[in-house]
Amino acid sequence: MILFEIKSISKKYRAFFFILAEKFRIMKRDDALKLVDTYIKNEKMRIHCLSSEAVMRALAKHFNEDVEKWGLAGLLHDLDVEITHADLNIHGLESVKILTQLNVDTEIVEAIRMHNENAHGDKRHKLIHHALAAGETITGLIYATALVYPDKRIESVKVKSVTKRMKEKAFAASVNRDIIMECELIGLSLDAFTEIALNAMKEIAGEIGL
Protein backbone atom coordinates (compact mmCIF):
# COMPACT_ATOMS: atom_id res chain seq x y z
CA MET A 1 0.00 0.00 0.00
CA ILE A 2 1.09 3.63 -0.46
CA LEU A 3 2.81 4.69 2.74
CA PHE A 4 1.60 8.15 3.63
CA GLU A 5 -1.06 9.71 5.85
CA ILE A 6 -4.44 9.76 4.12
CA LYS A 7 -6.80 10.39 7.03
CA SER A 8 -7.18 14.05 6.16
CA ILE A 9 -7.83 13.37 2.47
CA SER A 10 -11.42 13.36 1.29
CA LYS A 11 -13.11 10.00 0.77
CA LYS A 12 -13.09 10.58 -2.98
CA TYR A 13 -9.32 10.97 -3.21
CA ARG A 14 -8.67 8.36 -0.54
CA ALA A 15 -10.45 5.79 -2.69
CA PHE A 16 -8.46 6.93 -5.72
CA PHE A 17 -5.13 6.39 -3.97
CA PHE A 18 -6.14 2.94 -2.77
CA ILE A 19 -7.15 1.97 -6.30
CA LEU A 20 -3.88 3.34 -7.65
CA ALA A 21 -1.87 1.40 -5.09
CA GLU A 22 -3.72 -1.81 -5.92
CA LYS A 23 -3.30 -1.32 -9.65
CA PHE A 24 0.46 -1.05 -9.43
CA ARG A 25 1.06 -3.49 -6.62
CA ILE A 26 3.75 -6.13 -6.84
CA MET A 27 2.34 -9.62 -6.41
CA LYS A 28 3.71 -11.48 -3.40
CA ARG A 29 5.88 -14.49 -4.15
CA ASP A 30 3.57 -16.80 -2.18
CA ASP A 31 0.68 -15.76 -4.42
CA ALA A 32 2.83 -16.31 -7.50
CA LEU A 33 3.72 -19.81 -6.29
CA LYS A 34 0.03 -20.57 -5.84
CA LEU A 35 -0.52 -19.55 -9.47
CA VAL A 36 2.26 -21.87 -10.57
CA ASP A 37 0.70 -24.68 -8.53
CA THR A 38 -2.67 -23.99 -10.15
CA TYR A 39 -1.58 -23.81 -13.76
CA ILE A 40 1.54 -25.97 -13.97
CA LYS A 41 1.38 -29.63 -12.96
CA ASN A 42 4.47 -30.98 -14.72
CA GLU A 43 7.33 -31.22 -12.22
CA LYS A 44 10.02 -30.46 -14.79
CA MET A 45 8.23 -27.26 -15.75
CA ARG A 46 7.94 -26.26 -12.10
CA ILE A 47 11.69 -26.78 -11.75
CA HIS A 48 12.23 -24.67 -14.85
CA CYS A 49 10.13 -21.86 -13.39
CA LEU A 50 12.02 -21.91 -10.08
CA SER A 51 15.33 -21.96 -11.93
CA SER A 52 14.27 -19.05 -14.10
CA GLU A 53 13.22 -17.10 -11.03
CA ALA A 54 16.60 -17.65 -9.39
CA VAL A 55 18.47 -16.56 -12.51
CA MET A 56 16.32 -13.46 -12.93
CA ARG A 57 16.82 -12.44 -9.31
CA ALA A 58 20.58 -12.81 -9.76
CA LEU A 59 20.51 -10.76 -12.96
CA ALA A 60 18.45 -8.07 -11.25
CA LYS A 61 21.08 -7.82 -8.51
CA HIS A 62 23.81 -7.59 -11.13
CA PHE A 63 22.05 -4.76 -12.96
CA ASN A 64 20.76 -3.08 -9.79
CA GLU A 65 17.17 -3.65 -10.86
CA ASP A 66 14.07 -4.62 -8.86
CA VAL A 67 14.87 -8.12 -7.59
CA GLU A 68 11.30 -9.01 -6.63
CA LYS A 69 9.87 -7.82 -9.93
CA TRP A 70 12.44 -9.62 -12.05
CA GLY A 71 12.08 -12.74 -9.94
CA LEU A 72 8.34 -12.83 -10.50
CA ALA A 73 8.85 -12.43 -14.24
CA GLY A 74 11.04 -15.52 -14.16
CA LEU A 75 8.74 -17.52 -11.92
CA LEU A 76 5.60 -16.78 -13.92
CA HIS A 77 6.92 -16.61 -17.48
CA ASP A 78 5.63 -20.06 -18.48
CA LEU A 79 2.35 -19.88 -16.59
CA ASP A 80 0.27 -20.83 -19.63
CA VAL A 81 2.56 -23.55 -20.99
CA GLU A 82 0.06 -26.33 -20.24
CA ILE A 83 -2.95 -24.29 -21.32
CA THR A 84 -1.35 -23.58 -24.69
CA HIS A 85 0.35 -26.98 -24.93
CA ALA A 86 3.60 -25.06 -25.48
CA ASP A 87 2.36 -23.87 -28.87
CA LEU A 88 4.79 -21.07 -29.69
CA ASN A 89 2.18 -19.37 -31.84
CA ILE A 90 0.18 -18.50 -28.72
CA HIS A 91 2.41 -19.29 -25.72
CA GLY A 92 2.56 -16.30 -23.39
CA LEU A 93 -0.64 -14.68 -24.56
CA GLU A 94 -2.82 -16.59 -22.09
CA SER A 95 -0.39 -15.71 -19.31
CA VAL A 96 -0.85 -12.05 -20.21
CA LYS A 97 -4.63 -12.40 -19.88
CA ILE A 98 -4.41 -14.15 -16.52
CA LEU A 99 -1.89 -11.74 -15.02
CA THR A 100 -3.58 -8.64 -16.38
CA GLN A 101 -6.83 -9.67 -14.71
CA LEU A 102 -4.90 -9.98 -11.45
CA ASN A 103 -3.47 -6.46 -11.85
CA VAL A 104 0.09 -7.74 -11.92
CA ASP A 105 2.69 -5.06 -12.60
CA THR A 106 2.68 -4.18 -16.29
CA GLU A 107 6.46 -4.49 -16.62
CA ILE A 108 6.26 -8.09 -15.44
CA VAL A 109 3.40 -8.85 -17.81
CA GLU A 110 5.19 -7.22 -20.74
CA ALA A 111 8.40 -9.15 -20.07
CA ILE A 112 6.46 -12.40 -20.00
CA ARG A 113 4.74 -11.51 -23.26
CA MET A 114 8.05 -10.63 -24.89
CA HIS A 115 9.88 -13.80 -23.90
CA ASN A 116 8.17 -15.55 -26.82
CA GLU A 117 8.36 -13.34 -29.88
CA ASN A 118 6.72 -15.99 -32.06
CA ALA A 119 3.31 -15.29 -30.53
CA HIS A 120 3.10 -11.69 -31.72
CA GLY A 121 6.09 -10.70 -33.83
CA ASP A 122 7.20 -7.81 -31.62
CA LYS A 123 10.91 -7.65 -30.87
CA ARG A 124 12.51 -7.60 -27.45
CA HIS A 125 13.93 -4.16 -26.79
CA LYS A 126 14.34 -3.73 -23.03
CA LEU A 127 16.88 -5.01 -20.53
CA ILE A 128 14.33 -7.16 -18.73
CA HIS A 129 13.10 -8.63 -22.04
CA HIS A 130 16.51 -9.92 -23.07
CA ALA A 131 17.37 -10.96 -19.52
CA LEU A 132 14.25 -13.10 -19.21
CA ALA A 133 14.55 -14.66 -22.66
CA ALA A 134 18.22 -15.53 -22.27
CA GLY A 135 17.93 -16.36 -18.57
CA GLU A 136 15.08 -18.82 -18.81
CA THR A 137 16.68 -20.46 -21.85
CA ILE A 138 20.08 -21.08 -20.30
CA THR A 139 18.49 -22.88 -17.34
CA GLY A 140 17.73 -25.80 -19.65
CA LEU A 141 21.33 -26.04 -20.79
CA ILE A 142 22.66 -25.86 -17.24
CA TYR A 143 20.20 -28.48 -16.02
CA ALA A 144 21.07 -30.84 -18.87
CA THR A 145 24.79 -30.33 -18.22
CA ALA A 146 24.37 -31.25 -14.56
CA LEU A 147 22.60 -34.48 -15.46
CA VAL A 148 25.54 -35.80 -17.49
CA TYR A 149 27.90 -35.47 -14.52
CA PRO A 150 28.50 -38.77 -12.67
CA ASP A 151 26.98 -37.40 -9.46
CA LYS A 152 24.27 -35.40 -11.29
CA ARG A 153 24.88 -32.53 -8.88
CA ILE A 154 24.87 -28.94 -10.06
CA GLU A 155 27.54 -28.11 -7.49
CA SER A 156 29.99 -30.08 -9.65
CA VAL A 157 29.20 -28.10 -12.79
CA LYS A 158 31.73 -25.54 -13.97
CA VAL A 159 31.12 -22.55 -16.23
CA LYS A 160 33.41 -23.98 -18.92
CA SER A 161 31.38 -27.21 -18.91
CA VAL A 162 28.22 -25.28 -19.79
CA THR A 163 29.88 -23.10 -22.42
CA LYS A 164 31.45 -26.19 -23.99
CA ARG A 165 28.02 -27.81 -24.25
CA MET A 166 26.76 -24.56 -25.74
CA LYS A 167 28.85 -25.32 -28.83
CA GLU A 168 27.51 -28.87 -29.14
CA LYS A 169 24.27 -28.29 -31.03
CA ALA A 170 23.17 -31.91 -30.61
CA PHE A 171 23.36 -31.60 -26.83
CA ALA A 172 20.08 -30.36 -25.32
CA ALA A 173 19.10 -29.67 -28.92
CA SER A 174 15.84 -27.94 -27.96
CA VAL A 175 17.76 -25.16 -26.20
CA ASN A 176 17.94 -22.13 -28.50
CA ARG A 177 21.54 -20.96 -28.46
CA ASP A 178 20.71 -17.74 -30.30
CA ILE A 179 18.40 -16.66 -27.49
CA ILE A 180 21.05 -17.41 -24.89
CA MET A 181 23.43 -15.17 -26.83
CA GLU A 182 21.07 -12.25 -26.24
CA CYS A 183 23.12 -11.91 -23.07
CA GLU A 184 25.52 -9.89 -25.21
CA LEU A 185 22.74 -7.40 -25.90
CA ILE A 186 22.64 -6.62 -22.18
CA GLY A 187 26.39 -6.24 -21.89
CA LEU A 188 27.34 -9.68 -20.60
CA SER A 189 29.76 -12.09 -22.22
CA LEU A 190 28.64 -15.70 -22.44
CA ASP A 191 31.07 -16.67 -19.68
CA ALA A 192 29.89 -13.91 -17.34
CA PHE A 193 26.24 -14.63 -18.05
CA THR A 194 26.71 -18.37 -17.54
CA GLU A 195 28.49 -17.78 -14.23
CA ILE A 196 25.64 -15.64 -12.91
CA ALA A 197 23.01 -18.15 -14.00
CA LEU A 198 24.92 -21.21 -12.78
CA ASN A 199 25.61 -19.72 -9.35
CA ALA A 200 21.96 -18.71 -9.04
CA MET A 201 20.80 -22.26 -9.73
CA LYS A 202 23.38 -23.69 -7.34
CA GLU A 203 21.82 -21.62 -4.56
CA ILE A 204 18.50 -23.44 -5.01
CA ALA A 205 19.94 -26.88 -5.81
CA GLY A 206 17.73 -28.58 -3.24
CA GLU A 207 14.56 -27.03 -4.65
CA ILE A 208 15.32 -28.14 -8.20
CA GLY A 209 16.51 -31.66 -7.39
CA LEU A 210 20.16 -31.13 -8.24
C-alpha atoms as a PDB file:
ATOM      1  CA  MET A   1       0.000   0.000   0.000  1.00  0.00           C
ATOM      2  CA  ILE A   2       1.086   3.630  -0.460  1.00  0.00           C
ATOM      3  CA  LEU A   3       2.807   4.689   2.741  1.00  0.00           C
ATOM      4  CA  PHE A   4       1.599   8.152   3.635  1.00  0.00           C
ATOM      5  CA  GLU A   5      -1.056   9.712   5.849  1.00  0.00           C
ATOM      6  CA  ILE A   6      -4.436   9.763   4.122  1.00  0.00           C
ATOM      7  CA  LYS A   7      -6.797  10.395   7.028  1.00  0.00           C
ATOM      8  CA  SER A   8      -7.176  14.048   6.160  1.00  0.00           C
ATOM      9  CA  ILE A   9      -7.834  13.374   2.472  1.00  0.00           C
ATOM     10  CA  SER A  10     -11.417  13.359   1.289  1.00  0.00           C
ATOM     11  CA  LYS A  11     -13.110  10.003   0.772  1.00  0.00           C
ATOM     12  CA  LYS A  12     -13.089  10.575  -2.978  1.00  0.00           C
ATOM     13  CA  TYR A  13      -9.320  10.970  -3.206  1.00  0.00           C
ATOM     14  CA  ARG A  14      -8.671   8.362  -0.543  1.00  0.00           C
ATOM     15  CA  ALA A  15     -10.449   5.790  -2.694  1.00  0.00           C
ATOM     16  CA  PHE A  16      -8.458   6.934  -5.718  1.00  0.00           C
ATOM     17  CA  PHE A  17      -5.134   6.390  -3.971  1.00  0.00           C
ATOM     18  CA  PHE A  18      -6.143   2.941  -2.767  1.00  0.00           C
ATOM     19  CA  ILE A  19      -7.150   1.967  -6.303  1.00  0.00           C
ATOM     20  CA  LEU A  20      -3.878   3.341  -7.650  1.00  0.00           C
ATOM     21  CA  ALA A  21      -1.870   1.404  -5.092  1.00  0.00           C
ATOM     22  CA  GLU A  22      -3.718  -1.811  -5.916  1.00  0.00           C
ATOM     23  CA  LYS A  23      -3.305  -1.316  -9.647  1.00  0.00           C
ATOM     24  CA  PHE A  24       0.459  -1.051  -9.428  1.00  0.00           C
ATOM     25  CA  ARG A  25       1.058  -3.490  -6.619  1.00  0.00           C
ATOM     26  CA  ILE A  26       3.747  -6.128  -6.837  1.00  0.00           C
ATOM     27  CA  MET A  27       2.344  -9.620  -6.414  1.00  0.00           C
ATOM     28  CA  LYS A  28       3.714 -11.476  -3.403  1.00  0.00           C
ATOM     29  CA  ARG A  29       5.879 -14.491  -4.145  1.00  0.00           C
ATOM     30  CA  ASP A  30       3.565 -16.796  -2.176  1.00  0.00           C
ATOM     31  CA  ASP A  31       0.682 -15.760  -4.418  1.00  0.00           C
ATOM     32  CA  ALA A  32       2.835 -16.314  -7.498  1.00  0.00           C
ATOM     33  CA  LEU A  33       3.723 -19.807  -6.291  1.00  0.00           C
ATOM     34  CA  LYS A  34       0.027 -20.565  -5.844  1.00  0.00           C
ATOM     35  CA  LEU A  35      -0.521 -19.545  -9.467  1.00  0.00           C
ATOM     36  CA  VAL A  36       2.262 -21.874 -10.572  1.00  0.00           C
ATOM     37  CA  ASP A  37       0.700 -24.685  -8.534  1.00  0.00           C
ATOM     38  CA  THR A  38      -2.670 -23.988 -10.147  1.00  0.00           C
ATOM     39  CA  TYR A  39      -1.578 -23.808 -13.760  1.00  0.00           C
ATOM     40  CA  ILE A  40       1.544 -25.974 -13.969  1.00  0.00           C
ATOM     41  CA  LYS A  41       1.378 -29.631 -12.955  1.00  0.00           C
ATOM     42  CA  ASN A  42       4.474 -30.981 -14.722  1.00  0.00           C
ATOM     43  CA  GLU A  43       7.331 -31.216 -12.223  1.00  0.00           C
ATOM     44  CA  LYS A  44      10.022 -30.455 -14.793  1.00  0.00           C
ATOM     45  CA  MET A  45       8.227 -27.264 -15.752  1.00  0.00           C
ATOM     46  CA  ARG A  46       7.939 -26.263 -12.096  1.00  0.00           C
ATOM     47  CA  ILE A  47      11.687 -26.776 -11.746  1.00  0.00           C
ATOM     48  CA  HIS A  48      12.229 -24.670 -14.854  1.00  0.00           C
ATOM     49  CA  CYS A  49      10.131 -21.859 -13.385  1.00  0.00           C
ATOM     50  CA  LEU A  50      12.019 -21.911 -10.079  1.00  0.00           C
ATOM     51  CA  SER A  51      15.331 -21.963 -11.930  1.00  0.00           C
ATOM     52  CA  SER A  52      14.274 -19.045 -14.102  1.00  0.00           C
ATOM     53  CA  GLU A  53      13.218 -17.100 -11.028  1.00  0.00           C
ATOM     54  CA  ALA A  54      16.603 -17.648  -9.394  1.00  0.00           C
ATOM     55  CA  VAL A  55      18.470 -16.557 -12.513  1.00  0.00           C
ATOM     56  CA  MET A  56      16.320 -13.459 -12.930  1.00  0.00           C
ATOM     57  CA  ARG A  57      16.823 -12.445  -9.305  1.00  0.00           C
ATOM     58  CA  ALA A  58      20.577 -12.809  -9.757  1.00  0.00           C
ATOM     59  CA  LEU A  59      20.514 -10.765 -12.957  1.00  0.00           C
ATOM     60  CA  ALA A  60      18.455  -8.070 -11.246  1.00  0.00           C
ATOM     61  CA  LYS A  61      21.082  -7.822  -8.508  1.00  0.00           C
ATOM     62  CA  HIS A  62      23.809  -7.588 -11.131  1.00  0.00           C
ATOM     63  CA  PHE A  63      22.051  -4.761 -12.958  1.00  0.00           C
ATOM     64  CA  ASN A  64      20.758  -3.077  -9.787  1.00  0.00           C
ATOM     65  CA  GLU A  65      17.167  -3.652 -10.863  1.00  0.00           C
ATOM     66  CA  ASP A  66      14.066  -4.624  -8.863  1.00  0.00           C
ATOM     67  CA  VAL A  67      14.873  -8.120  -7.589  1.00  0.00           C
ATOM     68  CA  GLU A  68      11.303  -9.008  -6.634  1.00  0.00           C
ATOM     69  CA  LYS A  69       9.867  -7.819  -9.933  1.00  0.00           C
ATOM     70  CA  TRP A  70      12.443  -9.621 -12.046  1.00  0.00           C
ATOM     71  CA  GLY A  71      12.084 -12.742  -9.936  1.00  0.00           C
ATOM     72  CA  LEU A  72       8.339 -12.825 -10.495  1.00  0.00           C
ATOM     73  CA  ALA A  73       8.854 -12.433 -14.235  1.00  0.00           C
ATOM     74  CA  GLY A  74      11.045 -15.522 -14.161  1.00  0.00           C
ATOM     75  CA  LEU A  75       8.742 -17.519 -11.916  1.00  0.00           C
ATOM     76  CA  LEU A  76       5.595 -16.782 -13.925  1.00  0.00           C
ATOM     77  CA  HIS A  77       6.924 -16.611 -17.475  1.00  0.00           C
ATOM     78  CA  ASP A  78       5.634 -20.063 -18.481  1.00  0.00           C
ATOM     79  CA  LEU A  79       2.352 -19.880 -16.585  1.00  0.00           C
ATOM     80  CA  ASP A  80       0.267 -20.835 -19.635  1.00  0.00           C
ATOM     81  CA  VAL A  81       2.564 -23.548 -20.988  1.00  0.00           C
ATOM     82  CA  GLU A  82       0.060 -26.332 -20.240  1.00  0.00           C
ATOM     83  CA  ILE A  83      -2.952 -24.291 -21.318  1.00  0.00           C
ATOM     84  CA  THR A  84      -1.350 -23.575 -24.692  1.00  0.00           C
ATOM     85  CA  HIS A  85       0.353 -26.979 -24.935  1.00  0.00           C
ATOM     86  CA  ALA A  86       3.604 -25.057 -25.480  1.00  0.00           C
ATOM     87  CA  ASP A  87       2.364 -23.868 -28.874  1.00  0.00           C
ATOM     88  CA  LEU A  88       4.792 -21.068 -29.692  1.00  0.00           C
ATOM     89  CA  ASN A  89       2.177 -19.365 -31.842  1.00  0.00           C
ATOM     90  CA  ILE A  90       0.182 -18.503 -28.724  1.00  0.00           C
ATOM     91  CA  HIS A  91       2.413 -19.291 -25.724  1.00  0.00           C
ATOM     92  CA  GLY A  92       2.563 -16.305 -23.389  1.00  0.00           C
ATOM     93  CA  LEU A  93      -0.645 -14.681 -24.557  1.00  0.00           C
ATOM     94  CA  GLU A  94      -2.821 -16.591 -22.089  1.00  0.00           C
ATOM     95  CA  SER A  95      -0.388 -15.706 -19.314  1.00  0.00           C
ATOM     96  CA  VAL A  96      -0.851 -12.052 -20.212  1.00  0.00           C
ATOM     97  CA  LYS A  97      -4.626 -12.399 -19.880  1.00  0.00           C
ATOM     98  CA  ILE A  98      -4.405 -14.149 -16.525  1.00  0.00           C
ATOM     99  CA  LEU A  99      -1.888 -11.743 -15.021  1.00  0.00           C
ATOM    100  CA  THR A 100      -3.577  -8.635 -16.384  1.00  0.00           C
ATOM    101  CA  GLN A 101      -6.834  -9.675 -14.711  1.00  0.00           C
ATOM    102  CA  LEU A 102      -4.903  -9.983 -11.450  1.00  0.00           C
ATOM    103  CA  ASN A 103      -3.469  -6.456 -11.849  1.00  0.00           C
ATOM    104  CA  VAL A 104       0.087  -7.742 -11.917  1.00  0.00           C
ATOM    105  CA  ASP A 105       2.691  -5.060 -12.600  1.00  0.00           C
ATOM    106  CA  THR A 106       2.678  -4.181 -16.292  1.00  0.00           C
ATOM    107  CA  GLU A 107       6.455  -4.489 -16.621  1.00  0.00           C
ATOM    108  CA  ILE A 108       6.265  -8.094 -15.444  1.00  0.00           C
ATOM    109  CA  VAL A 109       3.403  -8.851 -17.813  1.00  0.00           C
ATOM    110  CA  GLU A 110       5.190  -7.223 -20.736  1.00  0.00           C
ATOM    111  CA  ALA A 111       8.403  -9.147 -20.070  1.00  0.00           C
ATOM    112  CA  ILE A 112       6.457 -12.405 -20.004  1.00  0.00           C
ATOM    113  CA  ARG A 113       4.740 -11.506 -23.258  1.00  0.00           C
ATOM    114  CA  MET A 114       8.046 -10.627 -24.892  1.00  0.00           C
ATOM    115  CA  HIS A 115       9.883 -13.799 -23.900  1.00  0.00           C
ATOM    116  CA  ASN A 116       8.166 -15.553 -26.825  1.00  0.00           C
ATOM    117  CA  GLU A 117       8.365 -13.341 -29.885  1.00  0.00           C
ATOM    118  CA  ASN A 118       6.718 -15.986 -32.061  1.00  0.00           C
ATOM    119  CA  ALA A 119       3.312 -15.287 -30.526  1.00  0.00           C
ATOM    120  CA  HIS A 120       3.100 -11.692 -31.725  1.00  0.00           C
ATOM    121  CA  GLY A 121       6.090 -10.696 -33.833  1.00  0.00           C
ATOM    122  CA  ASP A 122       7.197  -7.809 -31.624  1.00  0.00           C
ATOM    123  CA  LYS A 123      10.907  -7.655 -30.872  1.00  0.00           C
ATOM    124  CA  ARG A 124      12.507  -7.603 -27.453  1.00  0.00           C
ATOM    125  CA  HIS A 125      13.932  -4.162 -26.786  1.00  0.00           C
ATOM    126  CA  LYS A 126      14.342  -3.735 -23.028  1.00  0.00           C
ATOM    127  CA  LEU A 127      16.877  -5.006 -20.534  1.00  0.00           C
ATOM    128  CA  ILE A 128      14.327  -7.161 -18.730  1.00  0.00           C
ATOM    129  CA  HIS A 129      13.100  -8.630 -22.042  1.00  0.00           C
ATOM    130  CA  HIS A 130      16.512  -9.922 -23.067  1.00  0.00           C
ATOM    131  CA  ALA A 131      17.372 -10.957 -19.517  1.00  0.00           C
ATOM    132  CA  LEU A 132      14.253 -13.103 -19.209  1.00  0.00           C
ATOM    133  CA  ALA A 133      14.549 -14.664 -22.656  1.00  0.00           C
ATOM    134  CA  ALA A 134      18.222 -15.526 -22.270  1.00  0.00           C
ATOM    135  CA  GLY A 135      17.933 -16.356 -18.574  1.00  0.00           C
ATOM    136  CA  GLU A 136      15.082 -18.821 -18.805  1.00  0.00           C
ATOM    137  CA  THR A 137      16.683 -20.457 -21.845  1.00  0.00           C
ATOM    138  CA  ILE A 138      20.083 -21.081 -20.296  1.00  0.00           C
ATOM    139  CA  THR A 139      18.486 -22.881 -17.340  1.00  0.00           C
ATOM    140  CA  GLY A 140      17.727 -25.797 -19.648  1.00  0.00           C
ATOM    141  CA  LEU A 141      21.335 -26.039 -20.792  1.00  0.00           C
ATOM    142  CA  ILE A 142      22.659 -25.859 -17.243  1.00  0.00           C
ATOM    143  CA  TYR A 143      20.196 -28.476 -16.017  1.00  0.00           C
ATOM    144  CA  ALA A 144      21.070 -30.841 -18.865  1.00  0.00           C
ATOM    145  CA  THR A 145      24.788 -30.334 -18.218  1.00  0.00           C
ATOM    146  CA  ALA A 146      24.366 -31.253 -14.556  1.00  0.00           C
ATOM    147  CA  LEU A 147      22.598 -34.477 -15.463  1.00  0.00           C
ATOM    148  CA  VAL A 148      25.544 -35.803 -17.492  1.00  0.00           C
ATOM    149  CA  TYR A 149      27.898 -35.471 -14.521  1.00  0.00           C
ATOM    150  CA  PRO A 150      28.504 -38.767 -12.674  1.00  0.00           C
ATOM    151  CA  ASP A 151      26.981 -37.404  -9.459  1.00  0.00           C
ATOM    152  CA  LYS A 152      24.273 -35.405 -11.291  1.00  0.00           C
ATOM    153  CA  ARG A 153      24.878 -32.528  -8.883  1.00  0.00           C
ATOM    154  CA  ILE A 154      24.865 -28.943 -10.057  1.00  0.00           C
ATOM    155  CA  GLU A 155      27.542 -28.109  -7.486  1.00  0.00           C
ATOM    156  CA  SER A 156      29.986 -30.084  -9.645  1.00  0.00           C
ATOM    157  CA  VAL A 157      29.199 -28.101 -12.792  1.00  0.00           C
ATOM    158  CA  LYS A 158      31.733 -25.540 -13.972  1.00  0.00           C
ATOM    159  CA  VAL A 159      31.124 -22.552 -16.232  1.00  0.00           C
ATOM    160  CA  LYS A 160      33.407 -23.984 -18.915  1.00  0.00           C
ATOM    161  CA  SER A 161      31.378 -27.210 -18.914  1.00  0.00           C
ATOM    162  CA  VAL A 162      28.224 -25.279 -19.794  1.00  0.00           C
ATOM    163  CA  THR A 163      29.879 -23.099 -22.419  1.00  0.00           C
ATOM    164  CA  LYS A 164      31.452 -26.185 -23.987  1.00  0.00           C
ATOM    165  CA  ARG A 165      28.020 -27.806 -24.254  1.00  0.00           C
ATOM    166  CA  MET A 166      26.758 -24.563 -25.741  1.00  0.00           C
ATOM    167  CA  LYS A 167      28.850 -25.317 -28.827  1.00  0.00           C
ATOM    168  CA  GLU A 168      27.505 -28.866 -29.137  1.00  0.00           C
ATOM    169  CA  LYS A 169      24.270 -28.293 -31.030  1.00  0.00           C
ATOM    170  CA  ALA A 170      23.171 -31.911 -30.614  1.00  0.00           C
ATOM    171  CA  PHE A 171      23.355 -31.598 -26.825  1.00  0.00           C
ATOM    172  CA  ALA A 172      20.079 -30.357 -25.323  1.00  0.00           C
ATOM    173  CA  ALA A 173      19.096 -29.666 -28.916  1.00  0.00           C
ATOM    174  CA  SER A 174      15.841 -27.942 -27.963  1.00  0.00           C
ATOM    175  CA  VAL A 175      17.762 -25.155 -26.201  1.00  0.00           C
ATOM    176  CA  ASN A 176      17.936 -22.134 -28.498  1.00  0.00           C
ATOM    177  CA  ARG A 177      21.538 -20.955 -28.464  1.00  0.00           C
ATOM    178  CA  ASP A 178      20.708 -17.736 -30.304  1.00  0.00           C
ATOM    179  CA  ILE A 179      18.396 -16.660 -27.493  1.00  0.00           C
ATOM    180  CA  ILE A 180      21.049 -17.407 -24.891  1.00  0.00           C
ATOM    181  CA  MET A 181      23.433 -15.171 -26.827  1.00  0.00           C
ATOM    182  CA  GLU A 182      21.072 -12.255 -26.245  1.00  0.00           C
ATOM    183  CA  CYS A 183      23.125 -11.913 -23.072  1.00  0.00           C
ATOM    184  CA  GLU A 184      25.522  -9.895 -25.208  1.00  0.00           C
ATOM    185  CA  LEU A 185      22.735  -7.401 -25.900  1.00  0.00           C
ATOM    186  CA  ILE A 186      22.644  -6.625 -22.180  1.00  0.00           C
ATOM    187  CA  GLY A 187      26.389  -6.241 -21.892  1.00  0.00           C
ATOM    188  CA  LEU A 188      27.337  -9.680 -20.605  1.00  0.00           C
ATOM    189  CA  SER A 189      29.761 -12.088 -22.222  1.00  0.00           C
ATOM    190  CA  LEU A 190      28.636 -15.698 -22.438  1.00  0.00           C
ATOM    191  CA  ASP A 191      31.075 -16.668 -19.683  1.00  0.00           C
ATOM    192  CA  ALA A 192      29.887 -13.913 -17.345  1.00  0.00           C
ATOM    193  CA  PHE A 193      26.238 -14.631 -18.046  1.00  0.00           C
ATOM    194  CA  THR A 194      26.709 -18.366 -17.536  1.00  0.00           C
ATOM    195  CA  GLU A 195      28.492 -17.775 -14.234  1.00  0.00           C
ATOM    196  CA  ILE A 196      25.637 -15.635 -12.913  1.00  0.00           C
ATOM    197  CA  ALA A 197      23.005 -18.153 -13.995  1.00  0.00           C
ATOM    198  CA  LEU A 198      24.919 -21.207 -12.778  1.00  0.00           C
ATOM    199  CA  ASN A 199      25.608 -19.720  -9.348  1.00  0.00           C
ATOM    200  CA  ALA A 200      21.961 -18.713  -9.036  1.00  0.00           C
ATOM    201  CA  MET A 201      20.803 -22.255  -9.729  1.00  0.00           C
ATOM    202  CA  LYS A 202      23.377 -23.689  -7.336  1.00  0.00           C
ATOM    203  CA  GLU A 203      21.823 -21.618  -4.558  1.00  0.00           C
ATOM    204  CA  ILE A 204      18.495 -23.439  -5.011  1.00  0.00           C
ATOM    205  CA  ALA A 205      19.937 -26.877  -5.806  1.00  0.00           C
ATOM    206  CA  GLY A 206      17.725 -28.578  -3.237  1.00  0.00           C
ATOM    207  CA  GLU A 207      14.560 -27.029  -4.647  1.00  0.00           C
ATOM    208  CA  ILE A 208      15.322 -28.142  -8.200  1.00  0.00           C
ATOM    209  CA  GLY A 209      16.512 -31.656  -7.390  1.00  0.00           C
ATOM    210  CA  LEU A 210      20.158 -31.131  -8.238  1.00  0.00           C
END
